[in-house]
Structures are given as C-alpha cells and as structure tokens.
Protein backbone atom coordinates (compact mmCIF):
# COMPACT_ATOMS: atom_id res chain seq x y z
CA UNK A 1 124.56 98.76 112.85
CA UNK A 2 125.66 101.98 114.56
CA UNK A 3 127.17 99.94 117.40
CA UNK A 4 128.99 97.83 114.82
CA UNK A 5 130.56 100.93 113.29
CA UNK A 6 131.84 101.99 116.70
CA UNK A 7 133.17 98.48 117.24
CA UNK A 8 135.58 98.93 114.36
CA UNK A 9 137.26 101.89 116.07
CA UNK A 10 140.36 101.27 118.15
CA UNK A 11 142.63 103.18 120.44
CA UNK A 12 145.83 104.57 118.96
CA UNK A 13 147.53 107.62 117.55
CA UNK A 14 145.09 110.23 116.30
CA UNK A 15 143.41 113.55 116.97
CA UNK A 16 139.85 112.35 117.59
CA UNK A 17 138.79 111.75 121.19
CA UNK A 18 137.52 108.24 121.85
CA UNK A 19 137.07 107.60 125.59
CA UNK A 20 138.38 108.01 129.13
CA UNK A 21 139.80 105.15 131.16
CA UNK A 22 141.40 104.77 134.59
CA UNK A 23 145.09 105.55 134.87
CA UNK A 24 147.31 102.46 135.08
CA UNK A 25 150.95 102.14 136.20
CA UNK A 26 153.19 102.75 133.21
CA UNK A 27 150.91 105.29 131.51
CA UNK A 28 152.84 108.48 130.61
CA UNK A 29 151.87 111.50 132.72
CA UNK A 30 151.12 113.42 129.53
CA UNK A 31 148.19 111.09 128.82
CA UNK A 32 146.37 112.11 132.03
CA UNK A 33 143.35 114.35 131.52
CA UNK A 34 143.66 116.65 134.54
CA UNK A 35 140.34 118.39 133.97
CA UNK A 36 138.39 115.12 134.03
CA UNK A 37 140.50 113.87 136.95
CA UNK A 38 139.67 116.99 138.99
CA UNK A 39 135.96 116.07 138.87
CA UNK A 40 136.51 112.75 140.65
CA UNK A 41 138.70 110.97 143.16
CA UNK A 42 140.09 108.83 140.31
CA UNK A 43 142.80 109.58 137.76
CA UNK A 44 141.69 109.41 134.13
CA UNK A 45 143.63 108.90 130.91
CA UNK A 46 142.34 110.43 127.71
CA UNK A 47 142.41 107.96 124.78
CA UNK A 48 142.38 108.99 121.14
CA UNK A 49 140.95 107.00 118.23
CA UNK A 50 143.22 104.94 116.02
CA UNK A 51 143.10 106.59 112.60
CA UNK A 52 145.04 104.32 110.25
CA UNK A 53 142.34 103.37 107.73
CA UNK A 54 142.20 99.88 106.27
CA UNK A 55 141.79 99.13 102.57
CA UNK A 56 139.20 96.47 101.74
CA UNK A 57 138.80 94.94 98.27
CA UNK A 58 135.30 93.49 97.77
CA UNK A 59 134.01 90.93 95.27
CA UNK A 60 130.89 88.88 94.72
CA UNK A 61 130.36 85.91 92.44
CA UNK A 62 128.32 86.95 89.39
CA UNK A 63 128.44 83.61 87.58
CA UNK A 64 125.25 82.02 86.28
CA UNK A 65 124.83 79.72 89.29
CA UNK A 66 124.29 82.79 91.47
CA UNK A 67 121.14 83.72 89.51
CA UNK A 68 119.27 80.75 91.01
CA UNK A 69 116.74 80.65 93.82
CA UNK A 70 114.87 77.70 95.25
CA UNK A 71 111.53 79.52 95.63
CA UNK A 72 109.93 82.54 93.97
CA UNK A 73 109.47 84.29 97.30
CA UNK A 74 113.21 84.19 98.00
CA UNK A 75 115.88 86.45 96.52
CA UNK A 76 118.35 85.07 94.03
CA UNK A 77 121.74 84.24 95.52
CA UNK A 78 123.32 87.05 93.55
CA UNK A 79 120.75 89.57 94.84
CA UNK A 80 121.46 88.58 98.45
CA UNK A 81 125.22 88.69 97.91
CA UNK A 82 125.00 92.17 96.39
CA UNK A 83 122.77 93.39 99.23
CA UNK A 84 125.24 92.17 101.84
CA UNK A 85 128.22 93.51 99.91
CA UNK A 86 126.80 97.01 99.49
CA UNK A 87 125.63 97.15 103.11
CA UNK A 88 129.10 96.18 104.29
CA UNK A 89 130.72 98.76 102.03
CA UNK A 90 128.43 101.45 103.44
CA UNK A 91 129.29 100.46 107.01
CA UNK A 92 133.00 100.42 106.28
CA UNK A 93 132.99 103.84 104.62
CA UNK A 94 131.06 105.25 107.59
CA UNK A 95 133.82 103.87 109.81
CA UNK A 96 136.42 105.68 107.70
CA UNK A 97 137.72 102.63 105.83
CA UNK A 98 138.73 102.68 102.17
CA UNK A 99 136.83 100.22 99.95
CA UNK A 100 136.74 99.23 96.31
CA UNK A 101 135.64 96.40 94.02
CA UNK A 102 138.19 93.76 93.18
CA UNK A 103 138.95 93.49 89.49
CA UNK A 104 137.84 97.02 88.53
CA UNK A 105 141.21 98.72 88.92
CA UNK A 106 139.55 101.43 91.01
CA UNK A 107 141.56 102.84 93.91
CA UNK A 108 140.09 102.22 97.39
CA UNK A 109 138.16 105.24 98.61
CA UNK A 110 136.31 106.31 101.74
CA UNK A 111 134.12 108.73 99.81
CA UNK A 112 130.41 107.94 99.97
CA UNK A 113 130.01 109.31 96.47
CA UNK A 114 131.76 106.20 95.14
CA UNK A 115 129.03 103.90 96.45
CA UNK A 116 126.74 104.84 93.58
CA UNK A 117 129.45 103.93 91.12
CA UNK A 118 130.05 100.61 92.87
CA UNK A 119 126.32 99.83 92.71
CA UNK A 120 126.25 100.61 89.00
CA UNK A 121 129.20 98.31 88.33
CA UNK A 122 127.63 95.45 90.28
CA UNK A 123 124.28 95.63 88.49
CA UNK A 124 125.74 96.00 85.00
CA UNK A 125 128.03 92.98 85.10
CA UNK A 126 126.89 90.12 82.86
CA UNK A 127 126.50 86.90 84.83
CA UNK A 128 127.27 84.58 81.90
CA UNK A 129 130.65 86.23 81.42
CA UNK A 130 131.71 86.20 85.06
CA UNK A 131 134.04 83.72 86.72
CA UNK A 132 133.08 81.70 89.79
CA UNK A 133 136.23 82.80 91.65
CA UNK A 134 137.80 86.26 91.92
CA UNK A 135 140.67 87.46 89.74
CA UNK A 136 144.13 87.48 91.23
CA UNK A 137 145.68 90.93 91.23
CA UNK A 138 148.55 92.55 93.15
CA UNK A 139 147.32 94.09 96.40
CA UNK A 140 149.28 95.85 99.14
CA UNK A 141 150.36 93.78 102.11
CA UNK A 142 147.99 93.97 105.11
CA UNK A 143 145.05 94.69 102.81
CA UNK A 144 141.78 92.87 103.39
CA UNK A 145 139.60 91.04 100.86
CA UNK A 146 135.90 90.26 101.17
CA UNK A 147 134.51 87.51 98.90
CA UNK A 148 130.84 86.51 98.56
CA UNK A 149 129.59 83.62 96.43
CA UNK A 150 128.30 80.06 96.53
CA UNK A 151 131.85 78.62 96.35
CA UNK A 152 130.80 75.31 94.82
CA UNK A 153 133.96 75.24 92.69
CA UNK A 154 136.44 72.39 93.24
CA UNK A 155 138.26 72.76 96.56
CA UNK A 156 141.68 72.82 94.90
CA UNK A 157 140.64 75.90 92.90
CA UNK A 158 139.33 77.65 96.00
CA UNK A 159 142.54 76.87 97.87
CA UNK A 160 144.65 78.19 94.99
CA UNK A 161 142.73 81.48 95.14
CA UNK A 162 142.93 81.98 98.91
CA UNK A 163 146.55 80.86 99.07
CA UNK A 164 147.40 83.31 96.30
CA UNK A 165 146.09 86.17 98.45
CA UNK A 166 147.69 84.83 101.64
CA UNK A 167 151.11 84.54 100.03
CA UNK A 168 150.91 88.27 99.29
CA UNK A 169 150.21 89.04 102.95
CA UNK A 170 146.52 89.67 102.30
CA UNK A 171 143.90 88.41 104.76
CA UNK A 172 140.21 88.17 104.14
CA UNK A 173 136.75 86.82 104.78
CA UNK A 174 134.72 84.43 102.64
CA UNK A 175 130.91 84.35 102.74
CA UNK A 176 129.19 81.34 101.20
CA UNK A 177 125.66 82.22 100.06
CA UNK A 178 123.35 79.28 99.30
CA UNK A 179 119.64 78.81 98.64
CA UNK A 180 117.90 76.56 101.20
CA UNK A 181 117.19 73.81 98.64
CA UNK A 182 120.92 73.59 97.94
CA UNK A 183 121.44 72.53 101.53
CA UNK A 184 118.44 70.26 102.06
CA UNK A 185 117.65 68.84 98.57
CA UNK A 186 113.91 68.66 99.47
CA UNK A 187 112.75 67.13 96.17
CA UNK A 188 110.81 63.88 95.83
CA UNK A 189 110.10 61.51 93.00
CA UNK A 190 111.11 62.01 89.38
CA UNK A 191 113.12 65.20 89.01
CA UNK A 192 115.17 66.62 86.13
CA UNK A 193 118.15 68.77 87.18
CA UNK A 194 119.54 71.22 84.63
CA UNK A 195 122.84 73.02 85.14
CA UNK A 196 123.19 76.78 84.78
CA UNK A 197 126.81 76.74 83.70
CA UNK A 198 126.91 74.13 80.97
CA UNK A 199 126.56 71.03 83.14
CA UNK A 200 124.76 68.03 81.66
CA UNK A 201 121.10 67.37 82.45
CA UNK A 202 120.55 64.81 85.20
CA UNK A 203 117.27 62.91 85.43
CA UNK A 204 116.51 61.06 88.68
CA UNK A 205 113.62 58.66 89.14
CA UNK A 206 113.75 59.08 92.95
CA UNK A 207 115.44 62.31 94.04
CA UNK A 208 115.09 61.38 97.71
CA UNK A 209 117.34 58.36 97.07
CA UNK A 210 120.43 60.55 96.66
CA UNK A 211 119.59 63.06 99.42
CA UNK A 212 121.91 61.62 102.08
CA UNK A 213 124.85 61.30 99.68
CA UNK A 214 124.23 64.83 98.41
CA UNK A 215 124.21 66.28 101.90
CA UNK A 216 127.45 64.48 102.74
CA UNK A 217 129.07 65.94 99.61
CA UNK A 218 127.89 69.44 100.51
CA UNK A 219 129.11 69.04 104.09
CA UNK A 220 132.49 67.90 102.76
CA UNK A 221 132.61 71.00 100.56
CA UNK A 222 131.86 73.29 103.50
CA UNK A 223 134.34 71.51 105.77
CA UNK A 224 136.94 71.74 103.03
CA UNK A 225 136.40 75.48 102.66
CA UNK A 226 136.71 75.96 106.42
CA UNK A 227 139.94 73.96 106.47
CA UNK A 228 141.39 76.00 103.59
CA UNK A 229 140.48 79.21 105.41
CA UNK A 230 142.25 78.03 108.57
CA UNK A 231 145.39 77.11 106.63
CA UNK A 232 145.52 80.49 104.88
CA UNK A 233 144.52 82.69 107.83
CA UNK A 234 141.09 83.58 106.43
CA UNK A 235 137.65 83.43 108.06
CA UNK A 236 134.30 82.09 106.81
CA UNK A 237 130.62 82.84 107.26
CA UNK A 238 127.75 80.68 105.98
CA UNK A 239 124.47 82.26 104.87
CA UNK A 240 121.19 80.99 103.42
CA UNK A 241 118.87 83.23 101.43
CA UNK A 242 115.85 82.31 103.57
CA UNK A 243 117.50 83.78 106.68
CA UNK A 244 117.65 87.46 107.70
CA UNK A 245 120.53 89.30 106.02
CA UNK A 246 121.15 91.28 109.22
CA UNK A 247 122.55 88.19 110.95
CA UNK A 248 125.20 87.64 108.29
CA UNK A 249 125.89 91.37 108.08
CA UNK A 250 126.75 91.63 111.78
CA UNK A 251 128.81 88.44 111.74
CA UNK A 252 130.93 89.48 108.77
CA UNK A 253 131.34 93.07 109.91
CA UNK A 254 132.44 91.94 113.35
CA UNK A 255 134.94 89.50 111.83
CA UNK A 256 136.40 92.20 109.58
CA UNK A 257 136.73 94.47 112.58
CA UNK A 258 138.71 91.84 114.48
CA UNK A 259 140.96 91.24 111.47
CA UNK A 260 141.70 94.95 111.00
C-alpha cells in the first residue's frame, strides 16, 4: 500500500521535494539543481511534489440487500464494502487528500482524527432505512466520488445517478460488490428465494433450470453498468466477497490516482 500512496503523488508546484530527473531542452535554468549536477557528468532538474489536494466524497450501499452473504464463512457484502471504503479513506488521507462521507454534510478533511467519526457513522446507519443508490447533492466541480454497493437497481436509475454527478463536472469510481452465489447461482433442486427488500417469495422446483438465464441477466446488468460509466466518464471495478480485498483495494486506489 505504501507504493500506492506514492503513486498518487505528482510533479507540480509545491515546496516538498519529490525527485531528480535529467535536464531536458526547454527546462528553465532555475530548475537545475547545481549541487546534484556537480556530483555527476549529467545535469539534473529538481522536481517538487504537486500539492493541490483532491476532495473525495465516499459512499457505500447500506440497504438490506447488502446484509446478505452466500456462506457463513464469508463476510456480508456490506462488511466488505465498509472494509474497502475505510481502507481507501485511510490511504487517501495519508496521501494528503481530503475525504468525507456523501450525504452527511461533513466537510472533506485530511485529518486522520476524522476517520474514527467516519467509522462510527458507517456502523450506526440502519440498513432498512438506507437507499440502494446515493443521494444527489451539490458538489464542487472536479471533485471525485467513490461509490460501493451491489448496484442491482434498474439500469435507468443507475444512469440517472451517475449522469447527475457527471453533469456537475464530478467524476468518480463505482465498485460493485457481490457474493459468489449471486454470480454463479450454484443451487440445485427445489429452492425458495426470499427477497430482503420487500420482493415476493419465489419458489423454484429446479433452480438449475434458470441458471443460464440468470447469468445472462446478471451479465447484462454488469455490461450495462460499464456502458453507463463510459458514457459519463466514470470507471468501474468488480469485486466478489470470496476474493482478497487487497486486489480490489489496489485496483480502485490506482484508478482514483489516475483520475486525480
């Protein structure tokens, strides 16, 4: 993770030394580090770190569907989303970025003391009162938004949300978190499916008979999300709760760094 934090730094105006590089035609003479140059037969330029901090608004889906897991040995989707979210917030504050939770009205901050408050807010929120998509609120242009959830809502609702941010000049990253059974539908025989958010009960005599159709529907949902992200200038990452969280953490953090 330490290398990932460094990867978010960029050259630019600032007072913190970053690195030396070879002099190139067009570089101003004032950028040459004569002391370092005197130690070699090459001419070196001293680069400073870019210090304009980004503001990142973070959100995770706390609706009832996120409290599901497909096996007792696996974390609930909400638990994995919160783990990833807090880890990313820690990394971003270490890199000097300002972060906050979307929908709380709290001002973005780079202070590590706020992380405890963010954790408290995440764990206290009632799942049965939460929406499946984030609230729309006015954000400054060039801000970034990080959204984590299962994103099984209708595609038109997801597009309305992302387009609402994009029209305000806000870019972002979406992370879909699913349990493995939600991708594979591994059930056989007579199975009763009960919804967590008021859906009707569905009894199947042969669950394996709908597996192919189910997988096509899920693939269409994922393809639709990816297409919406491309149209609105967002990025996506897919994560399953039976896979190491570190993989998703590095992927999302790297993507946020490139978007900054």
